[in-house]
Amino acid sequence: DSSAQINALIVDATEPERLAAFWSEVLG
């Protein structure tokens, strides 16, 4: 048994604002 779980997926980006805006639209 483990209490570990995936908390977040982090994507490296040269322009995180732009990439976050793209994924925000894709995923709603």
PDB file of all heavy atoms in Angstrom:
ATOM      1  N   ASP A   1       0.847  -1.195   0.000  1.00  0.00           N
ATOM      2  CA  ASP A   1       0.000   0.000   0.000  1.00  0.00           C
ATOM      3  C   ASP A   1       0.876   1.236   0.000  1.00  0.00           C
ATOM      4  O   ASP A   1       1.956   1.253   0.579  1.00  0.00           O
ATOM      5  CB  ASP A   1      -0.896   0.018   1.237  1.00  0.00           C
ATOM      6  CG  ASP A   1      -1.992  -1.028   1.173  1.00  0.00           C
ATOM      7  OD1 ASP A   1      -2.352  -1.435   0.051  1.00  0.00           O
ATOM      8  OD2 ASP A   1      -2.488  -1.423   2.235  1.00  0.00           O
ATOM      9  N   SER A   2       0.412   2.275  -0.653  1.00  0.00           N
ATOM     10  CA  SER A   2       1.159   3.518  -0.714  1.00  0.00           C
ATOM     11  C   SER A   2       0.198   4.690  -0.614  1.00  0.00           C
ATOM     12  O   SER A   2      -0.908   4.642  -1.145  1.00  0.00           O
ATOM     13  CB  SER A   2       1.924   3.615  -2.032  1.00  0.00           C
ATOM     14  OG  SER A   2       2.531   4.882  -2.145  1.00  0.00           O
ATOM     15  N   SER A   3       0.628   5.707   0.077  1.00  0.00           N
ATOM     16  CA  SER A   3      -0.200   6.916   0.146  1.00  0.00           C
ATOM     17  C   SER A   3       0.209   7.902  -0.947  1.00  0.00           C
ATOM     18  O   SER A   3      -0.385   8.962  -1.071  1.00  0.00           O
ATOM     19  CB  SER A   3      -0.070   7.575   1.521  1.00  0.00           C
ATOM     20  OG  SER A   3       1.278   7.958   1.735  1.00  0.00           O
ATOM     21  N   ALA A   4       1.204   7.537  -1.763  1.00  0.00           N
ATOM     22  CA  ALA A   4       1.649   8.425  -2.836  1.00  0.00           C
ATOM     23  C   ALA A   4       0.643   8.414  -3.983  1.00  0.00           C
ATOM     24  O   ALA A   4       0.058   7.384  -4.305  1.00  0.00           O
ATOM     25  CB  ALA A   4       3.020   7.992  -3.360  1.00  0.00           C
ATOM     26  N   GLN A   5       0.433   9.580  -4.568  1.00  0.00           N
ATOM     27  CA  GLN A   5      -0.447   9.697  -5.724  1.00  0.00           C
ATOM     28  C   GLN A   5       0.036  10.842  -6.595  1.00  0.00           C
ATOM     29  O   GLN A   5       0.754  11.729  -6.131  1.00  0.00           O
ATOM     30  CB  GLN A   5      -1.891   9.920  -5.298  1.00  0.00           C
ATOM     31  CG  GLN A   5      -2.095  11.165  -4.462  1.00  0.00           C
ATOM     32  CD  GLN A   5      -3.528  11.305  -4.007  1.00  0.00           C
ATOM     33  OE1 GLN A   5      -4.418  11.375  -4.839  1.00  0.00           O
ATOM     34  NE2 GLN A   5      -3.752  11.335  -2.714  1.00  0.00           N
ATOM     35  N   ILE A   6      -0.334  10.810  -7.853  1.00  0.00           N
ATOM     36  CA  ILE A   6       0.046  11.890  -8.754  1.00  0.00           C
ATOM     37  C   ILE A   6      -0.773  13.120  -8.380  1.00  0.00           C
ATOM     38  O   ILE A   6      -2.000  13.063  -8.342  1.00  0.00           O
ATOM     39  CB  ILE A   6      -0.172  11.496 -10.223  1.00  0.00           C
ATOM     40  CG1 ILE A   6       0.735  10.323 -10.584  1.00  0.00           C
ATOM     41  CG2 ILE A   6       0.088  12.692 -11.139  1.00  0.00           C
ATOM     42  CD1 ILE A   6       0.483   9.747 -11.962  1.00  0.00           C
ATOM     43  N   ASN A   7      -0.101  14.217  -8.101  1.00  0.00           N
ATOM     44  CA  ASN A   7      -0.745  15.458  -7.696  1.00  0.00           C
ATOM     45  C   ASN A   7      -0.955  16.393  -8.879  1.00  0.00           C
ATOM     46  O   ASN A   7      -1.995  17.025  -9.006  1.00  0.00           O
ATOM     47  CB  ASN A   7       0.111  16.144  -6.630  1.00  0.00           C
ATOM     48  CG  ASN A   7      -0.469  17.454  -6.185  1.00  0.00           C
ATOM     49  OD1 ASN A   7      -1.608  17.515  -5.746  1.00  0.00           O
ATOM     50  ND2 ASN A   7       0.298  18.512  -6.317  1.00  0.00           N
ATOM     51  N   ALA A   8       0.048  16.468  -9.738  1.00  0.00           N
ATOM     52  CA  ALA A   8      -0.035  17.412 -10.855  1.00  0.00           C
ATOM     53  C   ALA A   8       0.858  16.933 -11.989  1.00  0.00           C
ATOM     54  O   ALA A   8       1.856  16.256 -11.770  1.00  0.00           O
ATOM     55  CB  ALA A   8       0.389  18.805 -10.417  1.00  0.00           C
ATOM     56  N   LEU A   9       0.481  17.312 -13.174  1.00  0.00           N
ATOM     57  CA  LEU A   9       1.296  17.106 -14.364  1.00  0.00           C
ATOM     58  C   LEU A   9       1.862  18.474 -14.711  1.00  0.00           C
ATOM     59  O   LEU A   9       1.110  19.442 -14.851  1.00  0.00           O
ATOM     60  CB  LEU A   9       0.436  16.571 -15.503  1.00  0.00           C
ATOM     61  CG  LEU A   9       1.129  16.417 -16.851  1.00  0.00           C
ATOM     62  CD1 LEU A   9       2.240  15.381 -16.758  1.00  0.00           C
ATOM     63  CD2 LEU A   9       0.127  16.004 -17.908  1.00  0.00           C
ATOM     64  N   ILE A  10       3.174  18.571 -14.824  1.00  0.00           N
ATOM     65  CA  ILE A  10       3.840  19.842 -15.111  1.00  0.00           C
ATOM     66  C   ILE A  10       4.461  19.755 -16.495  1.00  0.00           C
ATOM     67  O   ILE A  10       5.183  18.805 -16.814  1.00  0.00           O
ATOM     68  CB  ILE A  10       4.953  20.151 -14.081  1.00  0.00           C
ATOM     69  CG1 ILE A  10       4.406  20.081 -12.652  1.00  0.00           C
ATOM     70  CG2 ILE A  10       5.600  21.491 -14.380  1.00  0.00           C
ATOM     71  CD1 ILE A  10       3.285  21.051 -12.349  1.00  0.00           C
ATOM     72  N   VAL A  11       4.189  20.753 -17.314  1.00  0.00           N
ATOM     73  CA  VAL A  11       4.728  20.825 -18.667  1.00  0.00           C
ATOM     74  C   VAL A  11       5.712  21.987 -18.712  1.00  0.00           C
ATOM     75  O   VAL A  11       5.351  23.123 -18.385  1.00  0.00           O
ATOM     76  CB  VAL A  11       3.598  21.046 -19.701  1.00  0.00           C
ATOM     77  CG1 VAL A  11       4.168  21.147 -21.105  1.00  0.00           C
ATOM     78  CG2 VAL A  11       2.567  19.928 -19.613  1.00  0.00           C
ATOM     79  N   ASP A  12       6.965  21.711 -19.084  1.00  0.00           N
ATOM     80  CA  ASP A  12       7.938  22.787 -19.263  1.00  0.00           C
ATOM     81  C   ASP A  12       7.571  23.600 -20.491  1.00  0.00           C
ATOM     82  O   ASP A  12       7.128  23.043 -21.504  1.00  0.00           O
ATOM     83  CB  ASP A  12       9.350  22.219 -19.437  1.00  0.00           C
ATOM     84  CG  ASP A  12       9.916  21.648 -18.145  1.00  0.00           C
ATOM     85  OD1 ASP A  12       9.357  21.927 -17.075  1.00  0.00           O
ATOM     86  OD2 ASP A  12      10.923  20.927 -18.213  1.00  0.00           O
ATOM     87  N   ALA A  13       7.761  24.901 -20.401  1.00  0.00           N
ATOM     88  CA  ALA A  13       7.365  25.780 -21.508  1.00  0.00           C
ATOM     89  C   ALA A  13       8.256  27.007 -21.550  1.00  0.00           C
ATOM     90  O   ALA A  13       8.619  27.548 -20.513  1.00  0.00           O
ATOM     91  CB  ALA A  13       5.913  26.224 -21.330  1.00  0.00           C
ATOM     92  N   THR A  14       8.604  27.435 -22.756  1.00  0.00           N
ATOM     93  CA  THR A  14       9.329  28.697 -22.879  1.00  0.00           C
ATOM     94  C   THR A  14       8.373  29.876 -22.705  1.00  0.00           C
ATOM     95  O   THR A  14       8.785  30.940 -22.279  1.00  0.00           O
ATOM     96  CB  THR A  14      10.057  28.797 -24.233  1.00  0.00           C
ATOM     97  OG1 THR A  14       9.114  28.634 -25.282  1.00  0.00           O
ATOM     98  CG2 THR A  14      11.145  27.741 -24.354  1.00  0.00           C
ATOM     99  N   GLU A  15       7.089  29.670 -23.033  1.00  0.00           N
ATOM    100  CA  GLU A  15       6.054  30.688 -22.851  1.00  0.00           C
ATOM    101  C   GLU A  15       4.870  30.064 -22.107  1.00  0.00           C
ATOM    102  O   GLU A  15       3.860  29.708 -22.723  1.00  0.00           O
ATOM    103  CB  GLU A  15       5.588  31.235 -24.196  1.00  0.00           C
ATOM    104  CG  GLU A  15       6.669  31.947 -24.984  1.00  0.00           C
ATOM    105  CD  GLU A  15       6.130  32.478 -26.307  1.00  0.00           C
ATOM    106  OE1 GLU A  15       5.141  33.243 -26.275  1.00  0.00           O
ATOM    107  OE2 GLU A  15       6.694  32.104 -27.345  1.00  0.00           O
ATOM    108  N   PRO A  16       4.982  29.921 -20.776  1.00  0.00           N
ATOM    109  CA  PRO A  16       3.933  29.218 -20.035  1.00  0.00           C
ATOM    110  C   PRO A  16       2.553  29.865 -20.128  1.00  0.00           C
ATOM    111  O   PRO A  16       1.546  29.164 -20.139  1.00  0.00           O
ATOM    112  CB  PRO A  16       4.449  29.192 -18.601  1.00  0.00           C
ATOM    113  CG  PRO A  16       5.486  30.249 -18.534  1.00  0.00           C
ATOM    114  CD  PRO A  16       6.065  30.371 -19.903  1.00  0.00           C
ATOM    115  N   GLU A  17       2.483  31.178 -20.211  1.00  0.00           N
ATOM    116  CA  GLU A  17       1.180  31.850 -20.337  1.00  0.00           C
ATOM    117  C   GLU A  17       0.495  31.423 -21.638  1.00  0.00           C
ATOM    118  O   GLU A  17      -0.689  31.094 -21.651  1.00  0.00           O
ATOM    119  CB  GLU A  17       1.345  33.368 -20.322  1.00  0.00           C
ATOM    120  CG  GLU A  17       1.882  33.928 -19.026  1.00  0.00           C
ATOM    121  CD  GLU A  17       0.810  34.087 -17.967  1.00  0.00           C
ATOM    122  OE1 GLU A  17      -0.383  34.034 -18.299  1.00  0.00           O
ATOM    123  OE2 GLU A  17       1.194  34.271 -16.799  1.00  0.00           O
ATOM    124  N   ARG A  18       1.248  31.452 -22.723  1.00  0.00           N
ATOM    125  CA  ARG A  18       0.693  31.081 -24.035  1.00  0.00           C
ATOM    126  C   ARG A  18       0.268  29.617 -24.061  1.00  0.00           C
ATOM    127  O   ARG A  18      -0.807  29.273 -24.546  1.00  0.00           O
ATOM    128  CB  ARG A  18       1.731  31.359 -25.115  1.00  0.00           C
ATOM    129  CG  ARG A  18       1.301  30.953 -26.512  1.00  0.00           C
ATOM    130  CD  ARG A  18       2.371  31.353 -27.535  1.00  0.00           C
ATOM    131  NE  ARG A  18       2.069  30.778 -28.815  1.00  0.00           N
ATOM    132  CZ  ARG A  18       2.877  29.973 -29.496  1.00  0.00           C
ATOM    133  NH1 ARG A  18       4.065  29.678 -29.031  1.00  0.00           N
ATOM    134  NH2 ARG A  18       2.527  29.498 -30.668  1.00  0.00           N
ATOM    135  N   LEU A  19       1.119  28.738 -23.522  1.00  0.00           N
ATOM    136  CA  LEU A  19       0.805  27.318 -23.528  1.00  0.00           C
ATOM    137  C   LEU A  19      -0.378  27.020 -22.605  1.00  0.00           C
ATOM    138  O   LEU A  19      -1.255  26.217 -22.946  1.00  0.00           O
ATOM    139  CB  LEU A  19       2.027  26.499 -23.127  1.00  0.00           C
ATOM    140  CG  LEU A  19       2.087  25.087 -23.673  1.00  0.00           C
ATOM    141  CD1 LEU A  19       1.921  25.039 -25.173  1.00  0.00           C
ATOM    142  CD2 LEU A  19       3.366  24.412 -23.237  1.00  0.00           C
ATOM    143  N   ALA A  20      -0.444  27.670 -21.449  1.00  0.00           N
ATOM    144  CA  ALA A  20      -1.581  27.491 -20.542  1.00  0.00           C
ATOM    145  C   ALA A  20      -2.871  27.949 -21.214  1.00  0.00           C
ATOM    146  O   ALA A  20      -3.916  27.296 -21.082  1.00  0.00           O
ATOM    147  CB  ALA A  20      -1.353  28.255 -19.243  1.00  0.00           C
ATOM    148  N   ALA A  21      -2.828  29.049 -21.963  1.00  0.00           N
ATOM    149  CA  ALA A  21      -4.021  29.539 -22.668  1.00  0.00           C
ATOM    150  C   ALA A  21      -4.481  28.510 -23.704  1.00  0.00           C
ATOM    151  O   ALA A  21      -5.686  28.258 -23.849  1.00  0.00           O
ATOM    152  CB  ALA A  21      -3.735  30.886 -23.319  1.00  0.00           C
ATOM    153  N   PHE A  22      -3.541  27.909 -24.442  1.00  0.00           N
ATOM    154  CA  PHE A  22      -3.882  26.879 -25.427  1.00  0.00           C
ATOM    155  C   PHE A  22      -4.581  25.706 -24.743  1.00  0.00           C
ATOM    156  O   PHE A  22      -5.676  25.294 -25.130  1.00  0.00           O
ATOM    157  CB  PHE A  22      -2.614  26.403 -26.152  1.00  0.00           C
ATOM    158  CG  PHE A  22      -2.823  25.183 -27.012  1.00  0.00           C
ATOM    159  CD1 PHE A  22      -3.350  25.299 -28.289  1.00  0.00           C
ATOM    160  CD2 PHE A  22      -2.493  23.917 -26.547  1.00  0.00           C
ATOM    161  CE1 PHE A  22      -3.543  24.175 -29.090  1.00  0.00           C
ATOM    162  CE2 PHE A  22      -2.684  22.781 -27.330  1.00  0.00           C
ATOM    163  CZ  PHE A  22      -3.210  22.924 -28.611  1.00  0.00           C
ATOM    164  N   TRP A  23      -3.953  25.150 -23.694  1.00  0.00           N
ATOM    165  CA  TRP A  23      -4.512  23.988 -23.016  1.00  0.00           C
ATOM    166  C   TRP A  23      -5.798  24.332 -22.278  1.00  0.00           C
ATOM    167  O   TRP A  23      -6.684  23.494 -22.143  1.00  0.00           O
ATOM    168  CB  TRP A  23      -3.472  23.351 -22.100  1.00  0.00           C
ATOM    169  CG  TRP A  23      -2.513  22.520 -22.894  1.00  0.00           C
ATOM    170  CD1 TRP A  23      -1.231  22.851 -23.247  1.00  0.00           C
ATOM    171  CD2 TRP A  23      -2.768  21.249 -23.480  1.00  0.00           C
ATOM    172  NE1 TRP A  23      -0.686  21.850 -24.007  1.00  0.00           N
ATOM    173  CE2 TRP A  23      -1.614  20.858 -24.164  1.00  0.00           C
ATOM    174  CE3 TRP A  23      -3.876  20.403 -23.496  1.00  0.00           C
ATOM    175  CZ2 TRP A  23      -1.525  19.642 -24.850  1.00  0.00           C
ATOM    176  CZ3 TRP A  23      -3.787  19.199 -24.174  1.00  0.00           C
ATOM    177  CH2 TRP A  23      -2.622  18.834 -24.842  1.00  0.00           C
ATOM    178  N   SER A  24      -5.941  25.554 -21.808  1.00  0.00           N
ATOM    179  CA  SER A  24      -7.178  25.999 -21.182  1.00  0.00           C
ATOM    180  C   SER A  24      -8.339  25.865 -22.165  1.00  0.00           C
ATOM    181  O   SER A  24      -9.416  25.365 -21.824  1.00  0.00           O
ATOM    182  CB  SER A  24      -7.036  27.446 -20.711  1.00  0.00           C
ATOM    183  OG  SER A  24      -8.266  27.939 -20.230  1.00  0.00           O
ATOM    184  N   GLU A  25      -8.112  26.291 -23.411  1.00  0.00           N
ATOM    185  CA  GLU A  25      -9.145  26.181 -24.442  1.00  0.00           C
ATOM    186  C   GLU A  25      -9.396  24.732 -24.844  1.00  0.00           C
ATOM    187  O   GLU A  25     -10.536  24.321 -25.020  1.00  0.00           O
ATOM    188  CB  GLU A  25      -8.765  27.008 -25.669  1.00  0.00           C
ATOM    189  CG  GLU A  25      -8.831  28.500 -25.452  1.00  0.00           C
ATOM    190  CD  GLU A  25     -10.246  28.992 -25.208  1.00  0.00           C
ATOM    191  OE1 GLU A  25     -11.191  28.480 -25.836  1.00  0.00           O
ATOM    192  OE2 GLU A  25     -10.398  29.890 -24.358  1.00  0.00           O
ATOM    193  N   VAL A  26      -8.329  23.951 -24.999  1.00  0.00           N
ATOM    194  CA  VAL A  26      -8.481  22.555 -25.401  1.00  0.00           C
ATOM    195  C   VAL A  26      -9.293  21.779 -24.360  1.00  0.00           C
ATOM    196  O   VAL A  26     -10.203  21.022 -24.704  1.00  0.00           O
ATOM    197  CB  VAL A  26      -7.104  21.876 -25.624  1.00  0.00           C
ATOM    198  CG1 VAL A  26      -7.246  20.362 -25.761  1.00  0.00           C
ATOM    199  CG2 VAL A  26      -6.416  22.452 -26.852  1.00  0.00           C
ATOM    200  N   LEU A  27      -8.972  21.975 -23.084  1.00  0.00           N
ATOM    201  CA  LEU A  27      -9.576  21.172 -22.027  1.00  0.00           C
ATOM    202  C   LEU A  27     -10.780  21.820 -21.343  1.00  0.00           C
ATOM    203  O   LEU A  27     -11.435  21.175 -20.528  1.00  0.00           O
ATOM    204  CB  LEU A  27      -8.518  20.846 -20.971  1.00  0.00           C
ATOM    205  CG  LEU A  27      -7.320  20.037 -21.469  1.00  0.00           C
ATOM    206  CD1 LEU A  27      -6.273  19.919 -20.369  1.00  0.00           C
ATOM    207  CD2 LEU A  27      -7.769  18.667 -21.957  1.00  0.00           C
ATOM    208  N   GLY A  28     -11.038  23.097 -21.646  1.00  0.00           N
ATOM    209  CA  GLY A  28     -12.139  23.770 -20.971  1.00  0.00           C
ATOM    210  C   GLY A  28     -11.869  23.987 -19.493  1.00  0.00           C
ATOM    211  O   GLY A  28     -12.779  23.992 -18.676  1.00  0.00           O
TER     212      GLY A  28
END
